[in-house]
Amino acid sequence: MNQRQALIAAALAAMCATNTTASVAAADTEPCYGVAKAGQNDCSSASGSHSCAGQASVDMSLDEWKYVAKGTCEQVGGKLTAPPK
């Protein structure tokens, strides 16, 4: 195996390991509303005011959510469900 093939194999192995780790991490988390700081939300807002991560404009808005470890959302003052529209 030449050096180029070895580098490609190492890169592919690293990508596979990263995808597995991400899947396990996602399985151990849940969305938590009302705990994201401005600019640190994990996706679109519940109200539809924006559609991307990192666009929250105020801290702890009930429309914004962030992934947290399962079972910890309410302990940190968040809600597991989005507010009514």
PDB file of N, CA and C in Angstrom:
ATOM      1  N   MET A   1       0.860  -1.172   0.000  1.00  0.00           N
ATOM      2  CA  MET A   1       0.000   0.000   0.000  1.00  0.00           C
ATOM      3  C   MET A   1       0.904   1.233   0.000  1.00  0.00           C
ATOM      4  N   ASN A   2       0.654   2.126  -0.935  1.00  0.00           N
ATOM      5  CA  ASN A   2       1.475   3.333  -0.972  1.00  0.00           C
ATOM      6  C   ASN A   2       0.952   4.375   0.016  1.00  0.00           C
ATOM      7  N   GLN A   3       1.678   5.446   0.150  1.00  0.00           N
ATOM      8  CA  GLN A   3       1.339   6.474   1.148  1.00  0.00           C
ATOM      9  C   GLN A   3      -0.021   7.120   0.851  1.00  0.00           C
ATOM     10  N   ARG A   4      -0.329   7.322  -0.409  1.00  0.00           N
ATOM     11  CA  ARG A   4      -1.610   7.943  -0.763  1.00  0.00           C
ATOM     12  C   ARG A   4      -2.777   7.041  -0.351  1.00  0.00           C
ATOM     13  N   GLN A   5      -2.687   5.766  -0.624  1.00  0.00           N
ATOM     14  CA  GLN A   5      -3.742   4.832  -0.246  1.00  0.00           C
ATOM     15  C   GLN A   5      -3.897   4.763   1.267  1.00  0.00           C
ATOM     16  N   ALA A   6      -2.775   4.818   1.976  1.00  0.00           N
ATOM     17  CA  ALA A   6      -2.817   4.778   3.442  1.00  0.00           C
ATOM     18  C   ALA A   6      -3.526   6.010   3.992  1.00  0.00           C
ATOM     19  N   LEU A   7      -3.256   7.168   3.416  1.00  0.00           N
ATOM     20  CA  LEU A   7      -3.908   8.400   3.862  1.00  0.00           C
ATOM     21  C   LEU A   7      -5.411   8.367   3.583  1.00  0.00           C
ATOM     22  N   ILE A   8      -5.787   7.860   2.415  1.00  0.00           N
ATOM     23  CA  ILE A   8      -7.208   7.761   2.083  1.00  0.00           C
ATOM     24  C   ILE A   8      -7.909   6.797   3.032  1.00  0.00           C
ATOM     25  N   ALA A   9      -7.281   5.657   3.310  1.00  0.00           N
ATOM     26  CA  ALA A   9      -7.864   4.676   4.234  1.00  0.00           C
ATOM     27  C   ALA A   9      -8.015   5.274   5.628  1.00  0.00           C
ATOM     28  N   ALA A  10      -7.023   6.016   6.087  1.00  0.00           N
ATOM     29  CA  ALA A  10      -7.084   6.638   7.411  1.00  0.00           C
ATOM     30  C   ALA A  10      -8.205   7.691   7.462  1.00  0.00           C
ATOM     31  N   ALA A  11      -8.348   8.455   6.378  1.00  0.00           N
ATOM     32  CA  ALA A  11      -9.406   9.476   6.341  1.00  0.00           C
ATOM     33  C   ALA A  11     -10.786   8.830   6.365  1.00  0.00           C
ATOM     34  N   LEU A  12     -10.960   7.761   5.604  1.00  0.00           N
ATOM     35  CA  LEU A  12     -12.249   7.067   5.599  1.00  0.00           C
ATOM     36  C   LEU A  12     -12.559   6.457   6.962  1.00  0.00           C
ATOM     37  N   ALA A  13     -11.562   5.896   7.612  1.00  0.00           N
ATOM     38  CA  ALA A  13     -11.767   5.324   8.944  1.00  0.00           C
ATOM     39  C   ALA A  13     -12.167   6.413   9.939  1.00  0.00           C
ATOM     40  N   ALA A  14     -11.541   7.562   9.844  1.00  0.00           N
ATOM     41  CA  ALA A  14     -11.872   8.673  10.743  1.00  0.00           C
ATOM     42  C   ALA A  14     -13.298   9.163  10.507  1.00  0.00           C
ATOM     43  N   MET A  15     -13.715   9.225   9.244  1.00  0.00           N
ATOM     44  CA  MET A  15     -15.080   9.658   8.937  1.00  0.00           C
ATOM     45  C   MET A  15     -16.105   8.674   9.495  1.00  0.00           C
ATOM     46  N   CYS A  16     -15.829   7.397   9.350  1.00  0.00           N
ATOM     47  CA  CYS A  16     -16.753   6.384   9.878  1.00  0.00           C
ATOM     48  C   CYS A  16     -16.843   6.471  11.393  1.00  0.00           C
ATOM     49  N   ALA A  17     -15.725   6.667  12.050  1.00  0.00           N
ATOM     50  CA  ALA A  17     -15.718   6.779  13.511  1.00  0.00           C
ATOM     51  C   ALA A  17     -16.475   8.009  13.959  1.00  0.00           C
ATOM     52  N   THR A  18     -16.333   9.120  13.247  1.00  0.00           N
ATOM     53  CA  THR A  18     -17.036  10.356  13.586  1.00  0.00           C
ATOM     54  C   THR A  18     -18.538  10.178  13.431  1.00  0.00           C
ATOM     55  N   ASN A  19     -18.975   9.545  12.352  1.00  0.00           N
ATOM     56  CA  ASN A  19     -20.410   9.343  12.131  1.00  0.00           C
ATOM     57  C   ASN A  19     -21.015   8.463  13.216  1.00  0.00           C
ATOM     58  N   THR A  20     -20.322   7.439  13.644  1.00  0.00           N
ATOM     59  CA  THR A  20     -20.817   6.564  14.700  1.00  0.00           C
ATOM     60  C   THR A  20     -20.926   7.325  16.011  1.00  0.00           C
ATOM     61  N   THR A  21     -19.931   8.117  16.339  1.00  0.00           N
ATOM     62  CA  THR A  21     -19.946   8.902  17.570  1.00  0.00           C
ATOM     63  C   THR A  21     -21.089   9.905  17.549  1.00  0.00           C
ATOM     64  N   ALA A  22     -21.309  10.551  16.405  1.00  0.00           N
ATOM     65  CA  ALA A  22     -22.389  11.530  16.293  1.00  0.00           C
ATOM     66  C   ALA A  22     -23.746  10.859  16.477  1.00  0.00           C
ATOM     67  N   SER A  23     -23.920   9.665  15.926  1.00  0.00           N
ATOM     68  CA  SER A  23     -25.189   8.960  16.059  1.00  0.00           C
ATOM     69  C   SER A  23     -25.462   8.591  17.507  1.00  0.00           C
ATOM     70  N   VAL A  24     -24.427   8.127  18.205  1.00  0.00           N
ATOM     71  CA  VAL A  24     -24.584   7.773  19.618  1.00  0.00           C
ATOM     72  C   VAL A  24     -24.907   9.021  20.432  1.00  0.00           C
ATOM     73  N   ALA A  25     -24.231  10.129  20.134  1.00  0.00           N
ATOM     74  CA  ALA A  25     -24.478  11.371  20.860  1.00  0.00           C
ATOM     75  C   ALA A  25     -25.901  11.857  20.622  1.00  0.00           C
ATOM     76  N   ALA A  26     -26.388  11.759  19.391  1.00  0.00           N
ATOM     77  CA  ALA A  26     -27.741  12.206  19.094  1.00  0.00           C
ATOM     78  C   ALA A  26     -28.784  11.354  19.811  1.00  0.00           C
ATOM     79  N   ALA A  27     -28.497  10.078  19.990  1.00  0.00           N
ATOM     80  CA  ALA A  27     -29.448   9.191  20.667  1.00  0.00           C
ATOM     81  C   ALA A  27     -29.533   9.501  22.158  1.00  0.00           C
ATOM     82  N   ASP A  28     -28.524  10.125  22.705  1.00  0.00           N
ATOM     83  CA  ASP A  28     -28.490  10.428  24.132  1.00  0.00           C
ATOM     84  C   ASP A  28     -28.923  11.857  24.442  1.00  0.00           C
ATOM     85  N   THR A  29     -29.506  12.540  23.463  1.00  0.00           N
ATOM     86  CA  THR A  29     -29.917  13.929  23.671  1.00  0.00           C
ATOM     87  C   THR A  29     -31.387  14.120  23.303  1.00  0.00           C
ATOM     88  N   GLU A  30     -31.912  15.269  23.706  1.00  0.00           N
ATOM     89  CA  GLU A  30     -33.285  15.637  23.352  1.00  0.00           C
ATOM     90  C   GLU A  30     -33.350  17.152  23.229  1.00  0.00           C
ATOM     91  N   PRO A  31     -34.253  17.670  22.381  1.00  0.00           N
ATOM     92  CA  PRO A  31     -34.383  19.119  22.261  1.00  0.00           C
ATOM     93  C   PRO A  31     -35.016  19.701  23.522  1.00  0.00           C
ATOM     94  N   CYS A  32     -34.468  20.819  23.957  1.00  0.00           N
ATOM     95  CA  CYS A  32     -34.939  21.478  25.174  1.00  0.00           C
ATOM     96  C   CYS A  32     -35.211  22.951  24.847  1.00  0.00           C
ATOM     97  N   TYR A  33     -36.460  23.379  25.016  1.00  0.00           N
ATOM     98  CA  TYR A  33     -36.870  24.750  24.703  1.00  0.00           C
ATOM     99  C   TYR A  33     -36.625  25.681  25.883  1.00  0.00           C
ATOM    100  N   GLY A  34     -36.147  26.891  25.558  1.00  0.00           N
ATOM    101  CA  GLY A  34     -35.987  27.913  26.583  1.00  0.00           C
ATOM    102  C   GLY A  34     -34.642  27.925  27.282  1.00  0.00           C
ATOM    103  N   VAL A  35     -33.663  27.204  26.770  1.00  0.00           N
ATOM    104  CA  VAL A  35     -32.354  27.182  27.437  1.00  0.00           C
ATOM    105  C   VAL A  35     -31.221  27.698  26.556  1.00  0.00           C
ATOM    106  N   ALA A  36     -31.500  27.958  25.292  1.00  0.00           N
ATOM    107  CA  ALA A  36     -30.448  28.393  24.372  1.00  0.00           C
ATOM    108  C   ALA A  36     -30.121  29.868  24.584  1.00  0.00           C
ATOM    109  N   LYS A  37     -28.837  30.170  24.578  1.00  0.00           N
ATOM    110  CA  LYS A  37     -28.399  31.565  24.639  1.00  0.00           C
ATOM    111  C   LYS A  37     -28.427  32.143  23.237  1.00  0.00           C
ATOM    112  N   ALA A  38     -28.423  33.451  23.123  1.00  0.00           N
ATOM    113  CA  ALA A  38     -28.445  34.113  21.828  1.00  0.00           C
ATOM    114  C   ALA A  38     -27.298  33.592  20.961  1.00  0.00           C
ATOM    115  N   GLY A  39     -27.650  33.190  19.732  1.00  0.00           N
ATOM    116  CA  GLY A  39     -26.648  32.693  18.802  1.00  0.00           C
ATOM    117  C   GLY A  39     -26.217  31.257  19.034  1.00  0.00           C
ATOM    118  N   GLN A  40     -26.826  30.556  19.997  1.00  0.00           N
ATOM    119  CA  GLN A  40     -26.398  29.196  20.305  1.00  0.00           C
ATOM    120  C   GLN A  40     -27.531  28.179  20.207  1.00  0.00           C
ATOM    121  N   ASN A  41     -28.603  28.505  19.498  1.00  0.00           N
ATOM    122  CA  ASN A  41     -29.694  27.548  19.310  1.00  0.00           C
ATOM    123  C   ASN A  41     -29.264  26.465  18.323  1.00  0.00           C
ATOM    124  N   ASP A  42     -29.947  25.308  18.361  1.00  0.00           N
ATOM    125  CA  ASP A  42     -29.547  24.189  17.514  1.00  0.00           C
ATOM    126  C   ASP A  42     -30.353  24.012  16.238  1.00  0.00           C
ATOM    127  N   CYS A  43     -31.324  24.818  15.960  1.00  0.00           N
ATOM    128  CA  CYS A  43     -32.026  24.744  14.667  1.00  0.00           C
ATOM    129  C   CYS A  43     -33.061  25.858  14.596  1.00  0.00           C
ATOM    130  N   SER A  44     -34.091  25.649  13.793  1.00  0.00           N
ATOM    131  CA  SER A  44     -35.089  26.697  13.594  1.00  0.00           C
ATOM    132  C   SER A  44     -35.888  26.971  14.864  1.00  0.00           C
ATOM    133  N   SER A  45     -36.486  28.135  14.910  1.00  0.00           N
ATOM    134  CA  SER A  45     -37.302  28.485  16.072  1.00  0.00           C
ATOM    135  C   SER A  45     -38.680  27.857  15.949  1.00  0.00           C
ATOM    136  N   ALA A  46     -39.334  27.636  17.062  1.00  0.00           N
ATOM    137  CA  ALA A  46     -40.673  27.055  17.066  1.00  0.00           C
ATOM    138  C   ALA A  46     -41.684  27.999  16.422  1.00  0.00           C
ATOM    139  N   SER A  47     -41.440  29.298  16.523  1.00  0.00           N
ATOM    140  CA  SER A  47     -42.381  30.278  15.958  1.00  0.00           C
ATOM    141  C   SER A  47     -42.180  30.480  14.462  1.00  0.00           C
ATOM    142  N   GLY A  48     -41.083  29.980  13.916  1.00  0.00           N
ATOM    143  CA  GLY A  48     -40.798  30.147  12.496  1.00  0.00           C
ATOM    144  C   GLY A  48     -40.125  31.458  12.151  1.00  0.00           C
ATOM    145  N   SER A  49     -39.619  32.172  13.146  1.00  0.00           N
ATOM    146  CA  SER A  49     -38.980  33.457  12.872  1.00  0.00           C
ATOM    147  C   SER A  49     -37.644  33.306  12.149  1.00  0.00           C
ATOM    148  N   HIS A  50     -37.023  32.145  12.195  1.00  0.00           N
ATOM    149  CA  HIS A  50     -35.821  31.840  11.423  1.00  0.00           C
ATOM    150  C   HIS A  50     -35.734  30.329  11.254  1.00  0.00           C
ATOM    151  N   SER A  51     -34.863  29.892  10.348  1.00  0.00           N
ATOM    152  CA  SER A  51     -34.804  28.462  10.052  1.00  0.00           C
ATOM    153  C   SER A  51     -33.422  27.851  10.208  1.00  0.00           C
ATOM    154  N   CYS A  52     -32.527  28.530  10.894  1.00  0.00           N
ATOM    155  CA  CYS A  52     -31.167  28.007  11.000  1.00  0.00           C
ATOM    156  C   CYS A  52     -30.629  28.050  12.428  1.00  0.00           C
ATOM    157  N   ALA A  53     -29.662  27.180  12.673  1.00  0.00           N
ATOM    158  CA  ALA A  53     -28.977  27.169  13.961  1.00  0.00           C
ATOM    159  C   ALA A  53     -28.169  28.451  14.116  1.00  0.00           C
ATOM    160  N   GLY A  54     -28.013  28.894  15.346  1.00  0.00           N
ATOM    161  CA  GLY A  54     -27.187  30.060  15.632  1.00  0.00           C
ATOM    162  C   GLY A  54     -27.845  31.392  15.362  1.00  0.00           C
ATOM    163  N   GLN A  55     -29.147  31.420  15.125  1.00  0.00           N
ATOM    164  CA  GLN A  55     -29.810  32.689  14.809  1.00  0.00           C
ATOM    165  C   GLN A  55     -30.706  33.206  15.925  1.00  0.00           C
ATOM    166  N   ALA A  56     -30.672  32.594  17.090  1.00  0.00           N
ATOM    167  CA  ALA A  56     -31.451  33.113  18.218  1.00  0.00           C
ATOM    168  C   ALA A  56     -30.928  34.503  18.562  1.00  0.00           C
ATOM    169  N   SER A  57     -31.846  35.436  18.786  1.00  0.00           N
ATOM    170  CA  SER A  57     -31.408  36.813  19.041  1.00  0.00           C
ATOM    171  C   SER A  57     -31.419  37.194  20.521  1.00  0.00           C
ATOM    172  N   VAL A  58     -32.081  36.394  21.360  1.00  0.00           N
ATOM    173  CA  VAL A  58     -32.111  36.677  22.800  1.00  0.00           C
ATOM    174  C   VAL A  58     -31.845  35.388  23.578  1.00  0.00           C
ATOM    175  N   ASP A  59     -31.348  35.534  24.781  1.00  0.00           N
ATOM    176  CA  ASP A  59     -31.109  34.394  25.660  1.00  0.00           C
ATOM    177  C   ASP A  59     -32.423  33.817  26.166  1.00  0.00           C
ATOM    178  N   MET A  60     -32.486  32.516  26.273  1.00  0.00           N
ATOM    179  CA  MET A  60     -33.561  31.757  26.935  1.00  0.00           C
ATOM    180  C   MET A  60     -34.963  32.000  26.380  1.00  0.00           C
ATOM    181  N   SER A  61     -35.076  32.280  25.090  1.00  0.00           N
ATOM    182  CA  SER A  61     -36.393  32.437  24.468  1.00  0.00           C
ATOM    183  C   SER A  61     -37.091  31.085  24.443  1.00  0.00           C
ATOM    184  N   LEU A  62     -38.369  31.059  24.767  1.00  0.00           N
ATOM    185  CA  LEU A  62     -39.122  29.805  24.766  1.00  0.00           C
ATOM    186  C   LEU A  62     -39.299  29.232  23.361  1.00  0.00           C
ATOM    187  N   ASP A  63     -39.111  30.041  22.322  1.00  0.00           N
ATOM    188  CA  ASP A  63     -39.207  29.570  20.935  1.00  0.00           C
ATOM    189  C   ASP A  63     -37.934  28.867  20.462  1.00  0.00           C
ATOM    190  N   GLU A  64     -36.844  29.073  21.149  1.00  0.00           N
ATOM    191  CA  GLU A  64     -35.549  28.517  20.731  1.00  0.00           C
ATOM    192  C   GLU A  64     -35.232  27.248  21.513  1.00  0.00           C
ATOM    193  N   TRP A  65     -34.507  26.338  20.876  1.00  0.00           N
ATOM    194  CA  TRP A  65     -34.168  25.096  21.561  1.00  0.00           C
ATOM    195  C   TRP A  65     -32.723  24.705  21.312  1.00  0.00           C
ATOM    196  N   LYS A  66     -32.242  23.831  22.182  1.00  0.00           N
ATOM    197  CA  LYS A  66     -30.880  23.329  22.119  1.00  0.00           C
ATOM    198  C   LYS A  66     -30.922  21.876  22.554  1.00  0.00           C
ATOM    199  N   TYR A  67     -30.083  21.026  21.959  1.00  0.00           N
ATOM    200  CA  TYR A  67     -30.001  19.637  22.402  1.00  0.00           C
ATOM    201  C   TYR A  67     -29.302  19.581  23.755  1.00  0.00           C
ATOM    202  N   VAL A  68     -29.874  18.825  24.676  1.00  0.00           N
ATOM    203  CA  VAL A  68     -29.270  18.587  25.991  1.00  0.00           C
ATOM    204  C   VAL A  68     -29.310  17.090  26.263  1.00  0.00           C
ATOM    205  N   ALA A  69     -28.565  16.641  27.233  1.00  0.00           N
ATOM    206  CA  ALA A  69     -28.573  15.225  27.604  1.00  0.00           C
ATOM    207  C   ALA A  69     -29.970  14.827  28.059  1.00  0.00           C
ATOM    208  N   LYS A  70     -30.395  13.625  27.655  1.00  0.00           N
ATOM    209  CA  LYS A  70     -31.731  13.157  28.049  1.00  0.00           C
ATOM    210  C   LYS A  70     -31.897  13.205  29.553  1.00  0.00           C
ATOM    211  N   GLY A  71     -33.072  13.674  29.979  1.00  0.00           N
ATOM    212  CA  GLY A  71     -33.393  13.735  31.398  1.00  0.00           C
ATOM    213  C   GLY A  71     -32.910  14.969  32.119  1.00  0.00           C
ATOM    214  N   THR A  72     -32.254  15.900  31.403  1.00  0.00           N
ATOM    215  CA  THR A  72     -31.719  17.086  32.082  1.00  0.00           C
ATOM    216  C   THR A  72     -32.444  18.382  31.731  1.00  0.00           C
ATOM    217  N   CYS A  73     -33.320  18.356  30.744  1.00  0.00           N
ATOM    218  CA  CYS A  73     -33.958  19.589  30.264  1.00  0.00           C
ATOM    219  C   CYS A  73     -34.686  20.336  31.373  1.00  0.00           C
ATOM    220  N   GLU A  74     -35.584  19.671  32.030  1.00  0.00           N
ATOM    221  CA  GLU A  74     -36.370  20.352  33.061  1.00  0.00           C
ATOM    222  C   GLU A  74     -35.520  20.718  34.278  1.00  0.00           C
ATOM    223  N   GLN A  75     -34.448  19.972  34.504  1.00  0.00           N
ATOM    224  CA  GLN A  75     -33.544  20.300  35.620  1.00  0.00           C
ATOM    225  C   GLN A  75     -32.846  21.634  35.411  1.00  0.00           C
ATOM    226  N   VAL A  76     -32.591  21.989  34.130  1.00  0.00           N
ATOM    227  CA  VAL A  76     -31.921  23.260  33.851  1.00  0.00           C
ATOM    228  C   VAL A  76     -32.910  24.376  33.532  1.00  0.00           C
ATOM    229  N   GLY A  77     -34.210  24.122  33.740  1.00  0.00           N
ATOM    230  CA  GLY A  77     -35.223  25.161  33.579  1.00  0.00           C
ATOM    231  C   GLY A  77     -35.876  25.213  32.214  1.00  0.00           C
ATOM    232  N   GLY A  78     -35.681  24.195  31.382  1.00  0.00           N
ATOM    233  CA  GLY A  78     -36.273  24.184  30.052  1.00  0.00           C
ATOM    234  C   GLY A  78     -37.558  23.386  29.989  1.00  0.00           C
ATOM    235  N   LYS A  79     -38.124  23.339  28.803  1.00  0.00           N
ATOM    236  CA  LYS A  79     -39.348  22.602  28.522  1.00  0.00           C
ATOM    237  C   LYS A  79     -39.080  21.606  27.397  1.00  0.00           C
ATOM    238  N   LEU A  80     -39.700  20.434  27.469  1.00  0.00           N
ATOM    239  CA  LEU A  80     -39.524  19.422  26.432  1.00  0.00           C
ATOM    240  C   LEU A  80     -40.412  19.638  25.221  1.00  0.00           C
ATOM    241  N   THR A  81     -41.407  20.484  25.344  1.00  0.00           N
ATOM    242  CA  THR A  81     -42.316  20.771  24.229  1.00  0.00           C
ATOM    243  C   THR A  81     -42.261  22.242  23.847  1.00  0.00           C
ATOM    244  N   ALA A  82     -42.514  22.492  22.585  1.00  0.00           N
ATOM    245  CA  ALA A  82     -42.524  23.880  22.093  1.00  0.00           C
ATOM    246  C   ALA A  82     -43.732  24.610  22.651  1.00  0.00           C
ATOM    247  N   PRO A  83     -43.646  25.918  22.818  1.00  0.00           N
ATOM    248  CA  PRO A  83     -44.797  26.681  23.281  1.00  0.00           C
ATOM    249  C   PRO A  83     -45.884  26.673  22.219  1.00  0.00           C
ATOM    250  N   PRO A  84     -47.128  26.837  22.598  1.00  0.00           N
ATOM    251  CA  PRO A  84     -48.204  26.880  21.598  1.00  0.00           C
ATOM    252  C   PRO A  84     -48.016  28.072  20.672  1.00  0.00           C
ATOM    253  N   LYS A  85     -48.413  27.892  19.428  1.00  0.00           N
ATOM    254  CA  LYS A  85     -48.239  28.999  18.433  1.00  0.00           C
ATOM    255  C   LYS A  85     -49.357  29.977  18.496  1.00  0.00           C
TER     256      LYS A  85
END
